[in-house]
Amino acid sequence: MPQTGQKLDQLRALLRSFGSCLTAYSGGVDSVFLAFVAHQELGDRALAAIADSPSLPRAELAEALELGRRFGFSVKVVQTHEFTDTSYLANPQNRCYFCKHALFEELEPLARREGFAVLAYGENASDIGDHRPGAQAAAEFQVRAPLKEIGLTKAEIRECSATLGLPTADKPQMACLSSRIPYGEEVTLEKLRMIEAGENHLRKLGFFDVRVRHHELRHGALARIEIGPVELPAIVVNGHPAGIAAAFKALGYSQVTLDLQGYRRGSTNESQAIRVFAQRPVPTPGGAPPA
């Protein structure tokens, strides 16, 4: 089994073999690492392209562009149009397929026009076997996944990133804002606005791993706040609960809850209990409470 350093050397050799490369870039751990190493090996024959759409938090876009400036690799912003796709807005379980399809639909002709031999993205070896509808879109556009091809895992990418001095080495795992909405509930610009503003508020309070899960109720919307498990005790002190509830209600939420299990990947899929709660009949005044 190759050691991490050997895998990094193999990645460098693979990227050099491409001759030139356009990297789908998000500012996350994997794509920053890939874009940085591609720039080291290919210079101006490498370009990173980031998709700008309402599902990308403004702070994430600004940070991604700043990283390119700081480390000297070129970043091009492209506009994607998944919000004109009714299949994406319907939020099916393969929503990520439509998002990635919209991305590669923009990047494939860009790579062809600019003369980049290979279009690549940051899927890694830890993603094998995970629910990754976007991989189907990548296959349709013949997008390469160099990190996965070399067998680099997420942990190894973080290790390499730290060795290279990249600040994303310990960056929390991120996903687009639409991932905060349970499958089957429509994605709207207003929901994304509420989610982004809520997460920004929590980060300003000093919380690191945060998610605001958005659930539609019969009357209004419920925010289910997830905080990193080690940070959970801090959210219930110093008057945080009342202040957070007030801030979230000002954003448009009618109910604000704290998930006591803390942040974990894929918890939006655990939405059956929320839906049952949302569908329960409201008791009539003076009547017996519903079962």
C-alpha atoms as a PDB file:
ATOM      1  CA  MET A   1       0.000   0.000   0.000  1.00  0.00           C
ATOM      2  CA  PRO A   2       1.627   3.293  -1.048  1.00  0.00           C
ATOM      3  CA  GLN A   3       2.319   5.797   1.714  1.00  0.00           C
ATOM      4  CA  THR A   4       0.743   9.247   1.558  1.00  0.00           C
ATOM      5  CA  GLY A   5       3.933  10.849   0.238  1.00  0.00           C
ATOM      6  CA  GLN A   6       4.157   8.262  -2.521  1.00  0.00           C
ATOM      7  CA  LYS A   7       0.550   8.909  -3.488  1.00  0.00           C
ATOM      8  CA  LEU A   8       1.262  12.643  -3.701  1.00  0.00           C
ATOM      9  CA  ASP A   9       4.173  11.897  -6.033  1.00  0.00           C
ATOM     10  CA  GLN A  10       1.878   9.699  -8.128  1.00  0.00           C
ATOM     11  CA  LEU A  11      -0.686  12.488  -8.287  1.00  0.00           C
ATOM     12  CA  ARG A  12       1.949  14.925  -9.469  1.00  0.00           C
ATOM     13  CA  ALA A  13       3.029  12.512 -12.203  1.00  0.00           C
ATOM     14  CA  LEU A  14      -0.567  11.911 -13.286  1.00  0.00           C
ATOM     15  CA  LEU A  15      -1.266  15.642 -13.544  1.00  0.00           C
ATOM     16  CA  ARG A  16       1.900  16.204 -15.572  1.00  0.00           C
ATOM     17  CA  SER A  17       0.773  13.448 -17.929  1.00  0.00           C
ATOM     18  CA  PHE A  18      -2.404  15.430 -18.637  1.00  0.00           C
ATOM     19  CA  GLY A  19      -0.403  18.241 -20.226  1.00  0.00           C
ATOM     20  CA  SER A  20      -3.091  20.738 -19.211  1.00  0.00           C
ATOM     21  CA  CYS A  21      -6.033  20.604 -16.850  1.00  0.00           C
ATOM     22  CA  LEU A  22      -9.207  22.504 -15.976  1.00  0.00           C
ATOM     23  CA  THR A  23     -10.271  21.729 -12.394  1.00  0.00           C
ATOM     24  CA  ALA A  24     -13.827  22.062 -11.118  1.00  0.00           C
ATOM     25  CA  TYR A  25     -13.168  24.119  -8.002  1.00  0.00           C
ATOM     26  CA  SER A  26     -15.349  24.792  -4.964  1.00  0.00           C
ATOM     27  CA  GLY A  27     -12.959  26.051  -2.297  1.00  0.00           C
ATOM     28  CA  GLY A  28     -13.366  22.835  -0.301  1.00  0.00           C
ATOM     29  CA  VAL A  29     -10.598  20.574   0.992  1.00  0.00           C
ATOM     30  CA  ASP A  30     -10.373  18.341  -2.084  1.00  0.00           C
ATOM     31  CA  SER A  31     -10.658  20.885  -4.876  1.00  0.00           C
ATOM     32  CA  VAL A  32      -8.243  23.362  -3.262  1.00  0.00           C
ATOM     33  CA  PHE A  33      -5.668  20.600  -2.906  1.00  0.00           C
ATOM     34  CA  LEU A  34      -6.193  19.431  -6.492  1.00  0.00           C
ATOM     35  CA  ALA A  35      -6.102  22.944  -7.955  1.00  0.00           C
ATOM     36  CA  PHE A  36      -2.960  23.810  -5.980  1.00  0.00           C
ATOM     37  CA  VAL A  37      -1.028  20.698  -7.008  1.00  0.00           C
ATOM     38  CA  ALA A  38      -2.186  21.065 -10.621  1.00  0.00           C
ATOM     39  CA  HIS A  39      -0.839  24.627 -10.606  1.00  0.00           C
ATOM     40  CA  GLN A  40       2.461  23.461  -9.137  1.00  0.00           C
ATOM     41  CA  GLU A  41       2.873  20.854 -11.862  1.00  0.00           C
ATOM     42  CA  LEU A  42       1.327  22.604 -14.873  1.00  0.00           C
ATOM     43  CA  GLY A  43       1.661  26.324 -14.186  1.00  0.00           C
ATOM     44  CA  ASP A  44      -0.467  28.401 -16.553  1.00  0.00           C
ATOM     45  CA  ARG A  45      -1.607  25.195 -18.262  1.00  0.00           C
ATOM     46  CA  ALA A  46      -3.838  24.663 -15.235  1.00  0.00           C
ATOM     47  CA  LEU A  47      -6.996  26.600 -14.418  1.00  0.00           C
ATOM     48  CA  ALA A  48      -9.539  26.282 -11.607  1.00  0.00           C
ATOM     49  CA  ALA A  49     -13.171  27.140 -12.380  1.00  0.00           C
ATOM     50  CA  ILE A  50     -15.744  27.778  -9.665  1.00  0.00           C
ATOM     51  CA  ALA A  51     -19.484  27.667 -10.282  1.00  0.00           C
ATOM     52  CA  ASP A  52     -21.375  30.628  -8.888  1.00  0.00           C
ATOM     53  CA  SER A  53     -25.041  30.011  -8.125  1.00  0.00           C
ATOM     54  CA  PRO A  54     -27.493  30.699  -5.271  1.00  0.00           C
ATOM     55  CA  SER A  55     -26.552  27.377  -3.627  1.00  0.00           C
ATOM     56  CA  LEU A  56     -22.983  28.602  -2.974  1.00  0.00           C
ATOM     57  CA  PRO A  57     -22.663  30.726   0.188  1.00  0.00           C
ATOM     58  CA  ARG A  58     -21.197  34.158  -0.515  1.00  0.00           C
ATOM     59  CA  ALA A  59     -18.556  33.654   2.186  1.00  0.00           C
ATOM     60  CA  GLU A  60     -17.458  30.399   0.528  1.00  0.00           C
ATOM     61  CA  LEU A  61     -17.110  32.104  -2.858  1.00  0.00           C
ATOM     62  CA  ALA A  62     -15.050  34.938  -1.386  1.00  0.00           C
ATOM     63  CA  GLU A  63     -12.805  32.503   0.486  1.00  0.00           C
ATOM     64  CA  ALA A  64     -12.302  30.315  -2.597  1.00  0.00           C
ATOM     65  CA  LEU A  65     -11.238  33.319  -4.682  1.00  0.00           C
ATOM     66  CA  GLU A  66      -8.926  34.565  -1.914  1.00  0.00           C
ATOM     67  CA  LEU A  67      -7.202  31.174  -1.742  1.00  0.00           C
ATOM     68  CA  GLY A  68      -6.477  31.347  -5.469  1.00  0.00           C
ATOM     69  CA  ARG A  69      -4.914  34.796  -5.065  1.00  0.00           C
ATOM     70  CA  ARG A  70      -2.965  33.747  -1.982  1.00  0.00           C
ATOM     71  CA  PHE A  71      -1.473  30.621  -3.531  1.00  0.00           C
ATOM     72  CA  GLY A  72      -1.071  31.926  -7.043  1.00  0.00           C
ATOM     73  CA  PHE A  73      -3.411  29.667  -9.005  1.00  0.00           C
ATOM     74  CA  SER A  74      -5.875  31.152 -11.476  1.00  0.00           C
ATOM     75  CA  VAL A  75      -9.595  30.900 -10.715  1.00  0.00           C
ATOM     76  CA  LYS A  76     -12.348  31.604 -13.216  1.00  0.00           C
ATOM     77  CA  VAL A  77     -15.916  32.192 -12.043  1.00  0.00           C
ATOM     78  CA  VAL A  78     -18.599  30.634 -14.234  1.00  0.00           C
ATOM     79  CA  GLN A  79     -22.356  31.046 -13.862  1.00  0.00           C
ATOM     80  CA  THR A  80     -24.359  27.826 -13.745  1.00  0.00           C
ATOM     81  CA  HIS A  81     -28.076  27.556 -14.346  1.00  0.00           C
ATOM     82  CA  GLU A  82     -29.391  24.677 -12.243  1.00  0.00           C
ATOM     83  CA  PHE A  83     -32.068  26.997 -10.843  1.00  0.00           C
ATOM     84  CA  THR A  84     -33.763  27.001 -14.242  1.00  0.00           C
ATOM     85  CA  ASP A  85     -33.985  23.197 -14.121  1.00  0.00           C
ATOM     86  CA  THR A  86     -37.267  21.972 -12.639  1.00  0.00           C
ATOM     87  CA  SER A  87     -35.693  18.568 -11.964  1.00  0.00           C
ATOM     88  CA  TYR A  88     -33.116  20.199  -9.687  1.00  0.00           C
ATOM     89  CA  LEU A  89     -35.670  22.410  -7.943  1.00  0.00           C
ATOM     90  CA  ALA A  90     -37.890  19.398  -7.209  1.00  0.00           C
ATOM     91  CA  ASN A  91     -35.029  18.135  -5.013  1.00  0.00           C
ATOM     92  CA  PRO A  92     -35.095  14.408  -5.791  1.00  0.00           C
ATOM     93  CA  GLN A  93     -32.578  12.040  -4.198  1.00  0.00           C
ATOM     94  CA  ASN A  94     -30.321  12.484  -7.229  1.00  0.00           C
ATOM     95  CA  ARG A  95     -30.444  16.293  -7.073  1.00  0.00           C
ATOM     96  CA  CYS A  96     -26.627  16.381  -7.144  1.00  0.00           C
ATOM     97  CA  TYR A  97     -26.730  14.790 -10.586  1.00  0.00           C
ATOM     98  CA  PHE A  98     -28.569  17.803 -12.016  1.00  0.00           C
ATOM     99  CA  CYS A  99     -26.231  20.213 -10.215  1.00  0.00           C
ATOM    100  CA  LYS A 100     -23.076  18.521 -11.492  1.00  0.00           C
ATOM    101  CA  HIS A 101     -24.600  18.171 -14.962  1.00  0.00           C
ATOM    102  CA  ALA A 102     -25.204  21.938 -15.041  1.00  0.00           C
ATOM    103  CA  LEU A 103     -21.615  22.495 -13.907  1.00  0.00           C
ATOM    104  CA  PHE A 104     -19.985  20.243 -16.471  1.00  0.00           C
ATOM    105  CA  GLU A 105     -22.294  21.585 -19.161  1.00  0.00           C
ATOM    106  CA  GLU A 106     -20.481  24.911 -18.625  1.00  0.00           C
ATOM    107  CA  LEU A 107     -16.974  23.574 -18.018  1.00  0.00           C
ATOM    108  CA  GLU A 108     -16.721  21.100 -20.910  1.00  0.00           C
ATOM    109  CA  PRO A 109     -17.035  23.748 -23.659  1.00  0.00           C
ATOM    110  CA  LEU A 110     -14.810  26.105 -21.617  1.00  0.00           C
ATOM    111  CA  ALA A 111     -12.080  23.464 -21.510  1.00  0.00           C
ATOM    112  CA  ARG A 112     -12.462  22.888 -25.235  1.00  0.00           C
ATOM    113  CA  ARG A 113     -12.318  26.608 -26.088  1.00  0.00           C
ATOM    114  CA  GLU A 114      -9.316  27.278 -23.863  1.00  0.00           C
ATOM    115  CA  GLY A 115      -7.412  24.194 -25.002  1.00  0.00           C
ATOM    116  CA  PHE A 116      -7.344  22.246 -21.724  1.00  0.00           C
ATOM    117  CA  ALA A 117      -6.792  18.576 -22.439  1.00  0.00           C
ATOM    118  CA  VAL A 118      -8.437  17.228 -19.279  1.00  0.00           C
ATOM    119  CA  LEU A 119     -11.416  18.281 -17.174  1.00  0.00           C
ATOM    120  CA  ALA A 120     -11.033  17.090 -13.564  1.00  0.00           C
ATOM    121  CA  TYR A 121     -12.884  17.287 -10.247  1.00  0.00           C
ATOM    122  CA  GLY A 122     -12.160  16.477  -6.625  1.00  0.00           C
ATOM    123  CA  GLU A 123     -13.855  13.159  -5.966  1.00  0.00           C
ATOM    124  CA  ASN A 124     -11.560  11.064  -3.767  1.00  0.00           C
ATOM    125  CA  ALA A 125     -11.131   7.447  -2.701  1.00  0.00           C
ATOM    126  CA  SER A 126     -13.244   7.942   0.443  1.00  0.00           C
ATOM    127  CA  ASP A 127     -16.230   8.703  -1.793  1.00  0.00           C
ATOM    128  CA  ILE A 128     -16.296   5.192  -3.271  1.00  0.00           C
ATOM    129  CA  GLY A 129     -19.543   3.481  -2.270  1.00  0.00           C
ATOM    130  CA  ASP A 130     -21.081   6.720  -0.967  1.00  0.00           C
ATOM    131  CA  HIS A 131     -24.282   8.153  -2.441  1.00  0.00           C
ATOM    132  CA  ARG A 132     -22.737  10.261  -5.237  1.00  0.00           C
ATOM    133  CA  PRO A 133     -25.213  11.026  -8.058  1.00  0.00           C
ATOM    134  CA  GLY A 134     -22.782  13.692  -9.291  1.00  0.00           C
ATOM    135  CA  ALA A 135     -20.376  10.931 -10.296  1.00  0.00           C
ATOM    136  CA  GLN A 136     -22.857   9.847 -12.987  1.00  0.00           C
ATOM    137  CA  ALA A 137     -22.761  13.331 -14.515  1.00  0.00           C
ATOM    138  CA  ALA A 138     -18.960  13.308 -14.337  1.00  0.00           C
ATOM    139  CA  ALA A 139     -18.879  10.008 -16.207  1.00  0.00           C
ATOM    140  CA  GLU A 140     -21.193  11.354 -18.910  1.00  0.00           C
ATOM    141  CA  PHE A 141     -18.809  14.267 -19.540  1.00  0.00           C
ATOM    142  CA  GLN A 142     -15.681  12.081 -19.169  1.00  0.00           C
ATOM    143  CA  VAL A 143     -14.445  14.133 -16.217  1.00  0.00           C
ATOM    144  CA  ARG A 144     -11.372  12.686 -14.525  1.00  0.00           C
ATOM    145  CA  ALA A 145     -11.061  12.211 -10.754  1.00  0.00           C
ATOM    146  CA  PRO A 146      -7.285  12.213 -10.178  1.00  0.00           C
ATOM    147  CA  LEU A 147      -7.518  11.963  -6.372  1.00  0.00           C
ATOM    148  CA  LYS A 148      -9.695   8.860  -6.612  1.00  0.00           C
ATOM    149  CA  GLU A 149      -7.573   7.380  -9.383  1.00  0.00           C
ATOM    150  CA  ILE A 150      -4.464   7.586  -7.183  1.00  0.00           C
ATOM    151  CA  GLY A 151      -6.373   6.238  -4.193  1.00  0.00           C
ATOM    152  CA  LEU A 152      -6.070   9.327  -1.990  1.00  0.00           C
ATOM    153  CA  THR A 153      -8.533   9.268   0.885  1.00  0.00           C
ATOM    154  CA  LYS A 154     -10.021  12.327   2.587  1.00  0.00           C
ATOM    155  CA  ALA A 155      -7.703  11.850   5.584  1.00  0.00           C
ATOM    156  CA  GLU A 156      -4.665  11.628   3.293  1.00  0.00           C
ATOM    157  CA  ILE A 157      -5.733  14.737   1.394  1.00  0.00           C
ATOM    158  CA  ARG A 158      -5.957  16.623   4.681  1.00  0.00           C
ATOM    159  CA  GLU A 159      -2.506  15.326   5.633  1.00  0.00           C
ATOM    160  CA  CYS A 160      -1.017  16.386   2.290  1.00  0.00           C
ATOM    161  CA  SER A 161      -2.765  19.757   2.505  1.00  0.00           C
ATOM    162  CA  ALA A 162      -1.200  20.405   5.916  1.00  0.00           C
ATOM    163  CA  THR A 163       2.231  19.452   4.569  1.00  0.00           C
ATOM    164  CA  LEU A 164       1.765  21.889   1.680  1.00  0.00           C
ATOM    165  CA  GLY A 165       0.663  24.672   4.026  1.00  0.00           C
ATOM    166  CA  LEU A 166      -2.923  24.859   2.767  1.00  0.00           C
ATOM    167  CA  PRO A 167      -5.319  26.334   5.349  1.00  0.00           C
ATOM    168  CA  THR A 168      -8.086  24.027   4.156  1.00  0.00           C
ATOM    169  CA  ALA A 169      -6.333  21.037   5.771  1.00  0.00           C
ATOM    170  CA  ASP A 170      -8.718  21.227   8.722  1.00  0.00           C
ATOM    171  CA  LYS A 171     -11.625  22.935   7.012  1.00  0.00           C
ATOM    172  CA  PRO A 172     -15.010  21.421   7.886  1.00  0.00           C
ATOM    173  CA  GLN A 173     -16.646  19.353   5.185  1.00  0.00           C
ATOM    174  CA  MET A 174     -18.954  21.545   3.157  1.00  0.00           C
ATOM    175  CA  ALA A 175     -21.862  20.935   0.825  1.00  0.00           C
ATOM    176  CA  CYS A 176     -24.098  23.271  -1.121  1.00  0.00           C
ATOM    177  CA  LEU A 177     -26.911  25.081   0.668  1.00  0.00           C
ATOM    178  CA  SER A 178     -29.522  22.962  -1.124  1.00  0.00           C
ATOM    179  CA  SER A 179     -28.270  19.924   0.800  1.00  0.00           C
ATOM    180  CA  ARG A 180     -29.883  21.383   3.945  1.00  0.00           C
ATOM    181  CA  ILE A 181     -33.358  20.772   2.497  1.00  0.00           C
ATOM    182  CA  PRO A 182     -34.812  17.228   2.770  1.00  0.00           C
ATOM    183  CA  TYR A 183     -35.250  15.355  -0.484  1.00  0.00           C
ATOM    184  CA  GLY A 184     -38.683  15.914  -1.958  1.00  0.00           C
ATOM    185  CA  GLU A 185     -39.080  19.403  -0.493  1.00  0.00           C
ATOM    186  CA  GLU A 186     -38.697  22.083  -3.159  1.00  0.00           C
ATOM    187  CA  VAL A 187     -35.483  24.108  -3.350  1.00  0.00           C
ATOM    188  CA  THR A 188     -36.241  27.842  -3.423  1.00  0.00           C
ATOM    189  CA  LEU A 189     -34.131  30.975  -3.304  1.00  0.00           C
ATOM    190  CA  GLU A 190     -35.928  32.118  -0.138  1.00  0.00           C
ATOM    191  CA  LYS A 191     -35.093  28.885   1.697  1.00  0.00           C
ATOM    192  CA  LEU A 192     -31.441  29.185   0.706  1.00  0.00           C
ATOM    193  CA  ARG A 193     -31.390  32.801   1.895  1.00  0.00           C
ATOM    194  CA  MET A 194     -32.731  31.768   5.300  1.00  0.00           C
ATOM    195  CA  ILE A 195     -30.302  28.854   5.621  1.00  0.00           C
ATOM    196  CA  GLU A 196     -27.263  30.923   4.656  1.00  0.00           C
ATOM    197  CA  ALA A 197     -28.167  33.777   6.996  1.00  0.00           C
ATOM    198  CA  GLY A 198     -28.769  31.333   9.853  1.00  0.00           C
ATOM    199  CA  GLU A 199     -25.429  29.606   9.391  1.00  0.00           C
ATOM    200  CA  ASN A 200     -23.652  32.954   9.137  1.00  0.00           C
ATOM    201  CA  HIS A 201     -25.216  33.978  12.451  1.00  0.00           C
ATOM    202  CA  LEU A 202     -23.988  30.811  14.171  1.00  0.00           C
ATOM    203  CA  ARG A 203     -20.467  31.229  12.800  1.00  0.00           C
ATOM    204  CA  LYS A 204     -20.358  34.824  14.018  1.00  0.00           C
ATOM    205  CA  LEU A 205     -21.087  33.451  17.488  1.00  0.00           C
ATOM    206  CA  GLY A 206     -17.935  31.343  17.150  1.00  0.00           C
ATOM    207  CA  PHE A 207     -19.322  27.946  16.163  1.00  0.00           C
ATOM    208  CA  PHE A 208     -17.239  25.980  13.668  1.00  0.00           C
ATOM    209  CA  ASP A 209     -19.151  22.929  12.402  1.00  0.00           C
ATOM    210  CA  VAL A 210     -22.670  24.178  11.692  1.00  0.00           C
ATOM    211  CA  ARG A 211     -25.652  23.191   9.599  1.00  0.00           C
ATOM    212  CA  VAL A 212     -29.116  24.705   9.482  1.00  0.00           C
ATOM    213  CA  ARG A 213     -31.501  22.004   8.281  1.00  0.00           C
ATOM    214  CA  HIS A 214     -34.645  23.546   6.800  1.00  0.00           C
ATOM    215  CA  HIS A 215     -37.948  21.693   7.199  1.00  0.00           C
ATOM    216  CA  GLU A 216     -41.302  22.880   5.898  1.00  0.00           C
ATOM    217  CA  LEU A 217     -44.165  22.648   8.381  1.00  0.00           C
ATOM    218  CA  ARG A 218     -47.868  23.057   7.773  1.00  0.00           C
ATOM    219  CA  HIS A 219     -47.564  26.629   8.995  1.00  0.00           C
ATOM    220  CA  GLY A 220     -44.110  28.109   8.525  1.00  0.00           C
ATOM    221  CA  ALA A 221     -40.688  26.498   8.595  1.00  0.00           C
ATOM    222  CA  LEU A 222     -38.568  24.756  11.195  1.00  0.00           C
ATOM    223  CA  ALA A 223     -34.820  25.289  11.558  1.00  0.00           C
ATOM    224  CA  ARG A 224     -33.045  22.221  12.943  1.00  0.00           C
ATOM    225  CA  ILE A 225     -29.637  23.453  14.070  1.00  0.00           C
ATOM    226  CA  GLU A 226     -26.717  21.051  14.074  1.00  0.00           C
ATOM    227  CA  ILE A 227     -23.465  21.970  15.827  1.00  0.00           C
ATOM    228  CA  GLY A 228     -20.278  19.896  16.027  1.00  0.00           C
ATOM    229  CA  PRO A 229     -20.654  17.469  18.962  1.00  0.00           C
ATOM    230  CA  VAL A 230     -17.742  18.988  20.897  1.00  0.00           C
ATOM    231  CA  GLU A 231     -19.331  22.423  20.528  1.00  0.00           C
ATOM    232  CA  LEU A 232     -22.795  21.423  21.755  1.00  0.00           C
ATOM    233  CA  PRO A 233     -22.273  22.410  25.420  1.00  0.00           C
ATOM    234  CA  ALA A 234     -21.315  25.957  24.398  1.00  0.00           C
ATOM    235  CA  ILE A 235     -24.566  26.630  22.593  1.00  0.00           C
ATOM    236  CA  VAL A 236     -26.694  26.293  25.736  1.00  0.00           C
ATOM    237  CA  VAL A 237     -24.772  28.827  27.827  1.00  0.00           C
ATOM    238  CA  ASN A 238     -24.313  32.589  27.813  1.00  0.00           C
ATOM    239  CA  GLY A 239     -27.863  33.267  26.703  1.00  0.00           C
ATOM    240  CA  HIS A 240     -27.341  31.648  23.293  1.00  0.00           C
ATOM    241  CA  PRO A 241     -30.692  29.784  23.054  1.00  0.00           C
ATOM    242  CA  ALA A 242     -32.881  32.864  23.398  1.00  0.00           C
ATOM    243  CA  GLY A 243     -30.673  34.995  21.169  1.00  0.00           C
ATOM    244  CA  ILE A 244     -30.424  32.358  18.460  1.00  0.00           C
ATOM    245  CA  ALA A 245     -34.178  31.729  18.532  1.00  0.00           C
ATOM    246  CA  ALA A 246     -34.878  35.443  18.154  1.00  0.00           C
ATOM    247  CA  ALA A 247     -32.388  35.798  15.307  1.00  0.00           C
ATOM    248  CA  PHE A 248     -33.810  32.814  13.433  1.00  0.00           C
ATOM    249  CA  LYS A 249     -37.394  33.975  13.872  1.00  0.00           C
ATOM    250  CA  ALA A 250     -36.342  37.308  12.396  1.00  0.00           C
ATOM    251  CA  LEU A 251     -35.135  35.346   9.360  1.00  0.00           C
ATOM    252  CA  GLY A 252     -38.592  33.814   8.905  1.00  0.00           C
ATOM    253  CA  TYR A 253     -38.471  30.564  10.897  1.00  0.00           C
ATOM    254  CA  SER A 254     -41.526  29.786  13.003  1.00  0.00           C
ATOM    255  CA  GLN A 255     -39.801  27.017  14.977  1.00  0.00           C
ATOM    256  CA  VAL A 256     -36.131  26.748  16.014  1.00  0.00           C
ATOM    257  CA  THR A 257     -34.697  23.506  17.389  1.00  0.00           C
ATOM    258  CA  LEU A 258     -31.280  22.167  18.403  1.00  0.00           C
ATOM    259  CA  ASP A 259     -30.400  18.658  17.251  1.00  0.00           C
ATOM    260  CA  LEU A 260     -28.894  16.976  20.330  1.00  0.00           C
ATOM    261  CA  GLN A 261     -26.998  14.461  18.186  1.00  0.00           C
ATOM    262  CA  GLY A 262     -24.914  17.267  16.745  1.00  0.00           C
ATOM    263  CA  TYR A 263     -23.666  17.686  13.206  1.00  0.00           C
ATOM    264  CA  ARG A 264     -23.330  14.531  11.121  1.00  0.00           C
ATOM    265  CA  ARG A 265     -23.249  13.928   7.402  1.00  0.00           C
ATOM    266  CA  GLY A 266     -26.490  13.060   5.674  1.00  0.00           C
ATOM    267  CA  SER A 267     -28.801  13.880   8.554  1.00  0.00           C
ATOM    268  CA  THR A 268     -31.172  15.686   6.200  1.00  0.00           C
ATOM    269  CA  ASN A 269     -32.176  12.221   5.032  1.00  0.00           C
ATOM    270  CA  GLU A 270     -33.374  11.431   8.558  1.00  0.00           C
ATOM    271  CA  SER A 271     -36.459  13.545   7.942  1.00  0.00           C
ATOM    272  CA  GLN A 272     -39.304  11.100   8.519  1.00  0.00           C
ATOM    273  CA  ALA A 273     -39.817  12.180  12.126  1.00  0.00           C
ATOM    274  CA  ILE A 274     -39.944  15.830  11.103  1.00  0.00           C
ATOM    275  CA  ARG A 275     -42.508  15.063   8.410  1.00  0.00           C
ATOM    276  CA  VAL A 276     -44.658  13.096  10.849  1.00  0.00           C
ATOM    277  CA  PHE A 277     -44.509  16.035  13.276  1.00  0.00           C
ATOM    278  CA  ALA A 278     -45.412  18.462  10.509  1.00  0.00           C
ATOM    279  CA  GLN A 279     -48.398  16.406   9.429  1.00  0.00           C
ATOM    280  CA  ARG A 280     -49.903  15.881  12.890  1.00  0.00           C
ATOM    281  CA  PRO A 281     -53.351  17.511  13.338  1.00  0.00           C
ATOM    282  CA  VAL A 282     -53.506  20.638  15.439  1.00  0.00           C
ATOM    283  CA  PRO A 283     -55.658  20.110  18.590  1.00  0.00           C
ATOM    284  CA  THR A 284     -58.853  22.114  18.798  1.00  0.00           C
ATOM    285  CA  PRO A 285     -59.278  24.486  21.759  1.00  0.00           C
ATOM    286  CA  GLY A 286     -60.618  22.536  24.721  1.00  0.00           C
ATOM    287  CA  GLY A 287     -60.400  19.275  22.844  1.00  0.00           C
ATOM    288  CA  ALA A 288     -58.270  16.228  23.574  1.00  0.00           C
ATOM    289  CA  PRO A 289     -54.703  16.355  22.300  1.00  0.00           C
ATOM    290  CA  PRO A 290     -54.051  14.267  19.203  1.00  0.00           C
ATOM    291  CA  ALA A 291     -52.606  10.793  19.691  1.00  0.00           C
END
